[in-house]
Amino acid sequence: MNATLDGDVVRAGGDARQRFHDARGYGRADGPEVTLARVEAAHLLYRGDIETVSGMDFRAFFGDSVAAGDRFAARFLVYADLRERGFYLVPAREGWPGTGGGSRAGSDDDGSAGDRDAEERDGDADILVFERGEKPGGPVAHRVRVAGEREELPAGDLRGTTLAVVDEESEVSYFACSAGGGFAGASEYDLPTGLEADLFDDRVVCWSPPKRLYASAFYGQPVSGRDDADVDALQLSLVEAADLAARGAVDLGADAVIERGRSVEGNRFDRRLSVYRALRDRGVVPKTGYKFGADFRTYDAVDSVEDLPHSEALVRVVPSDHRFHPRELALDVRLAGGVRKRMVFALAGDDSNSYLTVERLTP
């Protein structure tokens, strides 16, 4: 069978509609013919189902499509990989079956951009993958965004997508990028008021705190050691101290602590403090994530430090306009998975924060 290139689509007649569209979900039906996107036509050429496109064999058509741009080589590799995995899929372009349909992406648990309508989410994707066994037009399982390993990716565009990263050896890694952090804060505690505290360099010491401030609320570390039952003095990070000062728990001015934090780490301190306070407000206990290369590790519920559960998530705080490098993303996600935690990115904005959870995925 031979097909014809018409602009950025390929048209095939004869029994192409029955063979390719009706039976195997390729392309868009246009009367007795089928219209194929370049990536679909290339796959059919590669398989030998189509002999030529306007006289071009696979090698010539592939080269012509790569020259046309829009990361064609990477998109073809992902398309072919997902087809080989047994999925029905279509390019995410207007007029193709399934575009603008429903999604399993869900809404963001912080009420932010996770509830965007399907048409807008499709605009962030290159390929729509339907649930296993479903033909085009059925429920969408993955909205796939294709990227090369050297491409920068706006963090805000990844929510609700499956990121397919093609590395320099043409292997594909998949990441599920879901809106929200998956937090289920259930920690409850009462804070004291007006505790004596002193600001020293990049930390604060709180004197004669009630035991519950550490043992139940899990603020700070005892100066005399974490296993000491009697806490005479508590070392607080600047983030913890700024939060406690704003809540009136210590007798330091919150502005003074914040200014010290800014002198230590610049505007990054404001972003981290904003996320820290938001997590505390929702019953989540954040502690330093330094040992894991993150800003925080988080606990959904802390009843007692003596019976401390494993933390559930690692949180890295980034600006709301942050652009990910895929290698950076892969490193964070791999490390979090290796210690059995979720990798959550907190996108800190001027007025509010949103969250992005990224996990490795095998479609």
Protein backbone atom coordinates (compact mmCIF):
# COMPACT_ATOMS: atom_id res chain seq x y z
CA MET A 1 0.00 0.00 0.00
CA ASN A 2 1.17 3.51 -0.84
CA ALA A 3 0.09 6.71 0.90
CA THR A 4 0.37 10.40 0.13
CA LEU A 5 1.90 13.20 2.20
CA ASP A 6 -0.45 16.17 2.42
CA GLY A 7 1.11 18.97 4.48
CA ASP A 8 1.72 17.56 7.95
CA VAL A 9 -0.62 14.55 7.55
CA VAL A 10 -0.58 11.41 5.44
CA ARG A 11 -3.62 10.14 3.56
CA ALA A 12 -4.26 6.54 2.63
CA GLY A 13 -7.16 5.07 0.63
CA GLY A 14 -8.27 1.66 -0.50
CA ASP A 15 -8.85 -0.61 2.50
CA ALA A 16 -6.61 1.51 4.75
CA ARG A 17 -9.52 2.60 6.92
CA GLN A 18 -10.54 -0.97 7.69
CA ARG A 19 -6.97 -2.24 8.11
CA PHE A 20 -5.44 0.59 10.09
CA HIS A 21 -8.16 2.69 11.70
CA ASP A 22 -11.05 0.33 12.40
CA ALA A 23 -8.97 -2.73 13.30
CA ARG A 24 -5.90 -1.18 14.94
CA GLY A 25 -6.74 2.37 15.95
CA TYR A 26 -4.41 4.31 13.66
CA GLY A 27 -5.36 7.74 12.40
CA ARG A 28 -8.62 9.56 11.84
CA ALA A 29 -11.39 8.25 9.62
CA ASP A 30 -12.25 10.63 6.75
CA GLY A 31 -14.98 8.95 4.74
CA PRO A 32 -13.52 5.89 3.02
CA GLU A 33 -9.96 7.08 3.65
CA VAL A 34 -7.82 7.37 6.76
CA THR A 35 -5.77 10.41 7.72
CA LEU A 36 -2.57 9.63 9.61
CA ALA A 37 -0.28 11.84 11.64
CA ARG A 38 3.36 11.62 10.58
CA VAL A 39 4.28 9.51 13.62
CA GLU A 40 1.52 7.00 12.84
CA ALA A 41 2.50 6.78 9.18
CA ALA A 42 6.16 6.30 10.15
CA HIS A 43 5.23 3.41 12.41
CA LEU A 44 3.22 1.73 9.66
CA LEU A 45 6.13 2.24 7.26
CA TYR A 46 8.53 0.77 9.81
CA ARG A 47 6.30 -2.29 10.22
CA GLY A 48 5.96 -2.71 6.46
CA ASP A 49 2.19 -2.15 6.45
CA ILE A 50 2.71 0.82 4.11
CA GLU A 51 5.34 0.61 1.39
CA THR A 52 5.85 4.30 0.63
CA VAL A 53 4.58 7.76 1.47
CA SER A 54 4.73 9.96 -1.64
CA GLY A 55 7.47 7.67 -2.94
CA MET A 56 9.50 7.76 0.31
CA ASP A 57 10.46 4.59 2.16
CA PHE A 58 10.82 4.57 5.93
CA ARG A 59 14.35 5.92 5.92
CA ALA A 60 13.51 8.84 3.63
CA PHE A 61 10.19 9.62 5.37
CA PHE A 62 11.78 9.47 8.81
CA GLY A 63 14.50 11.90 7.73
CA ASP A 64 11.96 14.22 6.16
CA SER A 65 9.86 14.17 9.36
CA VAL A 66 12.85 14.83 11.60
CA ALA A 67 13.73 17.81 9.42
CA ALA A 68 10.18 19.09 9.91
CA GLY A 69 11.01 19.48 13.63
CA ASP A 70 8.90 19.13 16.79
CA ARG A 71 11.15 16.42 18.32
CA PHE A 72 9.93 13.84 15.81
CA ALA A 73 12.64 11.25 16.50
CA ALA A 74 11.88 11.17 20.24
CA ARG A 75 8.13 11.08 19.68
CA PHE A 76 8.47 8.18 17.25
CA LEU A 77 10.54 6.16 19.72
CA VAL A 78 7.95 6.64 22.46
CA TYR A 79 5.05 5.94 20.10
CA ALA A 80 6.67 2.71 18.90
CA ASP A 81 7.51 1.61 22.45
CA LEU A 82 3.94 2.08 23.67
CA ARG A 83 2.51 0.31 20.61
CA GLU A 84 4.82 -2.63 21.33
CA ARG A 85 3.49 -2.70 24.88
CA GLY A 86 0.02 -3.36 23.47
CA PHE A 87 -1.66 0.01 23.96
CA TYR A 88 -3.94 1.87 21.59
CA LEU A 89 -2.72 5.45 21.29
CA VAL A 90 -3.11 8.57 19.19
CA PRO A 91 -1.17 11.81 18.76
CA ALA A 92 -2.65 14.53 20.97
CA ARG A 93 -3.85 16.76 18.17
CA GLU A 94 -7.19 18.28 17.38
CA GLY A 95 -9.57 16.00 15.52
CA TRP A 96 -7.96 12.70 16.52
CA PRO A 97 -10.11 10.22 18.50
CA GLY A 98 -10.06 10.76 22.26
CA THR A 99 -8.66 14.30 22.33
CA GLY A 100 -10.50 16.53 24.80
CA GLY A 101 -11.88 13.52 26.66
CA GLY A 102 -11.78 12.54 30.32
CA SER A 103 -8.70 11.71 32.34
CA ARG A 104 -7.65 9.76 35.38
CA ALA A 105 -5.31 12.58 36.40
CA GLY A 106 -7.49 13.69 39.32
CA SER A 107 -7.47 17.03 41.10
CA ASP A 108 -4.75 18.57 43.16
CA ASP A 109 -5.18 18.01 46.89
CA ASP A 110 -4.31 21.66 47.48
CA GLY A 111 -7.11 22.86 45.20
CA SER A 112 -4.80 24.26 42.54
CA ALA A 113 -4.27 23.51 38.88
CA GLY A 114 -4.98 19.78 39.06
CA ASP A 115 -8.58 20.27 37.93
CA ARG A 116 -7.77 21.85 34.56
CA ASP A 117 -10.15 20.76 31.84
CA ALA A 118 -9.16 17.96 29.49
CA GLU A 119 -8.60 20.17 26.48
CA GLU A 120 -5.97 22.21 28.34
CA ARG A 121 -4.28 19.04 29.66
CA ASP A 122 -4.14 17.63 26.13
CA GLY A 123 -2.22 20.74 25.12
CA ASP A 124 0.60 19.67 27.45
CA ALA A 125 0.76 16.17 25.92
CA ASP A 126 2.20 14.67 22.74
CA ILE A 127 0.45 11.29 22.83
CA LEU A 128 -2.78 10.03 24.39
CA VAL A 129 -2.64 6.43 25.61
CA PHE A 130 -5.92 4.66 26.27
CA GLU A 131 -6.52 2.23 29.09
CA ARG A 132 -5.38 -1.26 28.25
CA GLY A 133 -7.93 -2.95 26.00
CA GLU A 134 -9.67 0.34 25.16
CA LYS A 135 -9.66 1.67 21.60
CA PRO A 136 -9.22 5.35 20.68
CA GLY A 137 -12.07 7.38 22.11
CA GLY A 138 -12.17 5.33 25.31
CA PRO A 139 -10.86 6.32 28.76
CA VAL A 140 -7.40 7.91 28.66
CA ALA A 141 -4.82 6.21 30.90
CA HIS A 142 -1.83 8.43 30.16
CA ARG A 143 -1.33 11.86 28.67
CA VAL A 144 2.25 11.43 27.55
CA ARG A 145 4.65 14.32 27.24
CA VAL A 146 7.83 13.42 25.34
CA ALA A 147 11.18 14.97 26.20
CA GLY A 148 14.82 14.36 25.48
CA GLU A 149 17.21 13.99 28.41
CA ARG A 150 18.74 17.43 27.73
CA GLU A 151 15.45 19.32 27.43
CA GLU A 152 14.28 21.71 30.14
CA LEU A 153 10.70 21.25 31.32
CA PRO A 154 8.47 23.86 33.02
CA ALA A 155 7.39 22.35 36.33
CA GLY A 156 3.90 23.81 36.12
CA ASP A 157 3.19 22.05 32.81
CA LEU A 158 3.81 18.51 34.09
CA ARG A 159 0.79 18.02 36.37
CA GLY A 160 -1.53 15.32 35.09
CA THR A 161 0.92 14.03 32.49
CA THR A 162 3.09 10.96 32.04
CA LEU A 163 6.58 12.15 31.19
CA ALA A 164 8.46 9.97 28.69
CA VAL A 165 12.16 10.83 28.66
CA VAL A 166 14.26 9.54 25.76
CA ASP A 167 17.92 9.29 26.71
CA GLU A 168 20.97 9.53 24.44
CA GLU A 169 20.87 5.76 23.80
CA SER A 170 17.20 5.98 22.72
CA GLU A 171 15.86 4.20 25.79
CA VAL A 172 12.62 5.50 27.29
CA SER A 173 11.94 6.14 30.98
CA TYR A 174 8.44 6.99 32.17
CA PHE A 175 7.43 9.17 35.10
CA ALA A 176 3.92 9.70 36.46
CA CYS A 177 3.48 13.39 37.33
CA SER A 178 0.39 13.91 39.46
CA ALA A 179 -1.05 17.06 40.97
CA GLY A 180 -0.81 17.30 44.74
CA GLY A 181 1.54 15.90 47.34
CA GLY A 182 -0.61 13.05 48.61
CA PHE A 183 -0.37 14.39 52.16
CA ALA A 184 -2.77 13.02 54.78
CA GLY A 185 -1.85 15.19 57.74
CA ALA A 186 -3.23 13.85 61.02
CA SER A 187 -0.79 15.27 63.60
CA GLU A 188 -2.38 17.16 66.49
CA TYR A 189 -0.60 19.07 69.24
CA ASP A 190 -0.90 22.19 71.39
CA LEU A 191 1.83 24.79 71.23
CA PRO A 192 3.01 26.72 74.28
CA THR A 193 3.34 30.53 74.25
CA GLY A 194 6.15 32.96 74.93
CA LEU A 195 9.00 30.51 75.52
CA GLU A 196 12.41 32.07 76.06
CA ALA A 197 14.67 31.68 73.04
CA ASP A 198 17.89 33.15 71.65
CA LEU A 199 18.99 33.57 68.05
CA PHE A 200 22.52 32.26 67.40
CA ASP A 201 24.01 32.42 63.89
CA ASP A 202 21.95 29.97 61.77
CA ARG A 203 19.83 28.43 64.54
CA VAL A 204 17.79 29.22 67.64
CA VAL A 205 17.96 27.73 71.13
CA CYS A 206 14.74 27.52 73.09
CA TRP A 207 15.27 27.34 76.86
CA SER A 208 13.26 25.14 79.25
CA PRO A 209 10.63 24.11 76.69
CA PRO A 210 7.77 21.82 77.68
CA LYS A 211 8.52 18.24 76.75
CA ARG A 212 5.61 18.11 74.29
CA LEU A 213 7.20 20.68 71.96
CA TYR A 214 9.71 18.04 70.91
CA ALA A 215 8.10 14.77 71.97
CA SER A 216 4.69 15.38 70.37
CA ALA A 217 5.00 18.33 67.99
CA PHE A 218 8.50 17.25 66.88
CA TYR A 219 10.04 20.72 66.75
CA GLY A 220 13.83 20.90 66.97
CA GLN A 221 16.37 18.59 68.60
CA PRO A 222 17.34 18.49 72.29
CA VAL A 223 20.71 20.08 73.00
CA SER A 224 21.53 17.21 75.35
CA GLY A 225 20.69 14.51 72.80
CA ARG A 226 17.50 13.27 71.21
CA ASP A 227 17.11 10.32 73.61
CA ASP A 228 17.17 12.42 76.77
CA ALA A 229 13.78 12.24 78.48
CA ASP A 230 14.25 15.70 80.06
CA VAL A 231 14.69 18.45 77.48
CA ASP A 232 16.40 21.44 79.11
CA ALA A 233 17.07 23.24 75.83
CA LEU A 234 15.91 22.69 72.28
CA GLN A 235 17.85 23.57 69.13
CA LEU A 236 15.60 24.88 66.37
CA SER A 237 16.37 25.45 62.72
CA LEU A 238 15.65 28.95 61.44
CA VAL A 239 12.62 27.64 59.55
CA GLU A 240 11.22 26.00 62.69
CA ALA A 241 11.98 29.08 64.77
CA ALA A 242 10.35 31.47 62.28
CA ASP A 243 7.23 29.30 62.28
CA LEU A 244 7.08 29.15 66.09
CA ALA A 245 7.74 32.88 66.38
CA ALA A 246 4.86 33.66 64.00
CA ARG A 247 2.60 31.43 66.11
CA GLY A 248 3.67 33.15 69.34
CA ALA A 249 5.29 30.06 70.80
CA VAL A 250 8.68 31.72 71.38
CA ASP A 251 9.52 35.25 72.49
CA LEU A 252 11.49 36.14 69.36
CA GLY A 253 10.15 38.46 66.67
CA ALA A 254 9.29 36.52 63.52
CA ASP A 255 10.72 39.30 61.33
CA ALA A 256 14.11 39.06 63.03
CA VAL A 257 14.29 35.32 62.46
CA ILE A 258 13.20 35.68 58.84
CA GLU A 259 15.83 38.35 58.20
CA ARG A 260 18.47 36.03 59.62
CA GLY A 261 17.18 33.25 57.38
CA ARG A 262 17.41 35.49 54.33
CA SER A 263 20.97 36.45 55.21
CA VAL A 264 21.88 32.77 55.40
CA GLU A 265 20.21 31.47 52.22
CA GLY A 266 18.59 34.35 50.37
CA ASN A 267 15.08 34.19 48.91
CA ARG A 268 15.18 30.41 49.13
CA PHE A 269 14.43 30.80 52.83
CA ASP A 270 11.09 32.51 52.15
CA ARG A 271 10.05 29.70 49.80
CA ARG A 272 11.00 27.00 52.28
CA LEU A 273 9.27 28.79 55.16
CA SER A 274 6.09 29.21 53.13
CA VAL A 275 5.96 25.49 52.36
CA TYR A 276 6.94 24.53 55.92
CA ARG A 277 4.11 26.60 57.41
CA ALA A 278 1.56 25.31 54.89
CA LEU A 279 2.48 21.71 55.73
CA ARG A 280 2.25 22.35 59.47
CA ASP A 281 -1.15 24.00 58.95
CA ARG A 282 -2.49 20.83 57.34
CA GLY A 283 -1.26 18.51 60.12
CA VAL A 284 1.91 17.35 58.38
CA VAL A 285 5.21 17.40 60.28
CA PRO A 286 8.17 18.48 58.12
CA LYS A 287 11.75 17.81 59.23
CA THR A 288 14.99 18.42 57.39
CA GLY A 289 15.55 16.29 54.29
CA TYR A 290 19.26 17.08 54.10
CA LYS A 291 20.38 13.43 54.31
CA PHE A 292 18.24 12.68 51.25
CA GLY A 293 19.20 15.76 49.26
CA ALA A 294 15.77 17.32 49.80
CA ASP A 295 14.43 20.29 51.74
CA PHE A 296 12.12 18.26 53.96
CA ARG A 297 11.07 14.75 54.85
CA THR A 298 7.47 14.63 56.05
CA TYR A 299 5.37 12.67 58.52
CA ASP A 300 1.61 12.51 58.12
CA ALA A 301 1.07 11.60 61.76
CA VAL A 302 3.36 11.87 64.78
CA ASP A 303 1.94 10.73 68.10
CA SER A 304 5.27 10.50 69.87
CA VAL A 305 8.90 10.89 68.85
CA GLU A 306 9.61 7.78 70.93
CA ASP A 307 7.44 5.81 68.50
CA LEU A 308 8.29 7.73 65.34
CA PRO A 309 7.03 6.18 62.07
CA HIS A 310 8.99 6.28 58.83
CA SER A 311 8.55 9.49 56.88
CA GLU A 312 6.34 9.15 53.81
CA ALA A 313 7.62 11.80 51.43
CA LEU A 314 10.62 13.87 50.44
CA VAL A 315 9.85 17.47 49.52
CA ARG A 316 12.04 19.71 47.41
CA VAL A 317 11.00 23.35 47.26
CA VAL A 318 11.38 25.13 43.92
CA PRO A 319 10.05 28.43 42.51
CA SER A 320 6.68 28.22 40.76
CA ASP A 321 8.38 29.00 37.43
CA HIS A 322 11.07 26.33 37.92
CA ARG A 323 12.26 24.38 34.88
CA PHE A 324 13.31 20.78 35.47
CA HIS A 325 16.26 19.13 33.81
CA PRO A 326 15.25 15.47 33.23
CA ARG A 327 18.49 14.18 34.75
CA GLU A 328 17.82 16.18 37.90
CA LEU A 329 14.28 14.85 38.02
CA ALA A 330 15.39 11.25 37.51
CA LEU A 331 17.97 11.54 40.29
CA ASP A 332 15.47 12.86 42.84
CA VAL A 333 12.82 10.29 41.95
CA ARG A 334 15.29 7.40 41.97
CA LEU A 335 16.63 8.39 45.39
CA ALA A 336 13.13 8.76 46.87
CA GLY A 337 12.09 5.39 45.48
CA GLY A 338 15.22 3.80 46.90
CA VAL A 339 14.25 4.86 50.42
CA ARG A 340 10.55 4.05 49.88
CA LYS A 341 9.23 7.58 49.86
CA ARG A 342 7.21 9.74 47.48
CA MET A 343 9.08 12.51 45.68
CA VAL A 344 7.10 15.72 46.00
CA PHE A 345 8.07 19.05 44.50
CA ALA A 346 6.59 22.10 46.19
CA LEU A 347 6.10 24.90 43.67
CA ALA A 348 6.31 27.98 45.86
CA GLY A 349 4.46 31.00 44.49
CA ASP A 350 4.08 34.53 45.77
CA ASP A 351 0.64 33.92 47.28
CA SER A 352 0.20 30.15 47.39
CA ASN A 353 1.98 26.86 46.85
CA SER A 354 1.11 23.86 44.74
CA TYR A 355 2.55 20.37 44.72
CA LEU A 356 3.74 17.91 42.10
CA THR A 357 4.35 14.23 42.89
CA VAL A 358 6.64 12.40 40.48
CA GLU A 359 7.08 8.61 40.46
CA ARG A 360 8.73 6.14 38.12
CA LEU A 361 6.21 4.27 36.00
CA THR A 362 6.14 1.11 33.94
CA PRO A 363 3.17 1.45 31.56
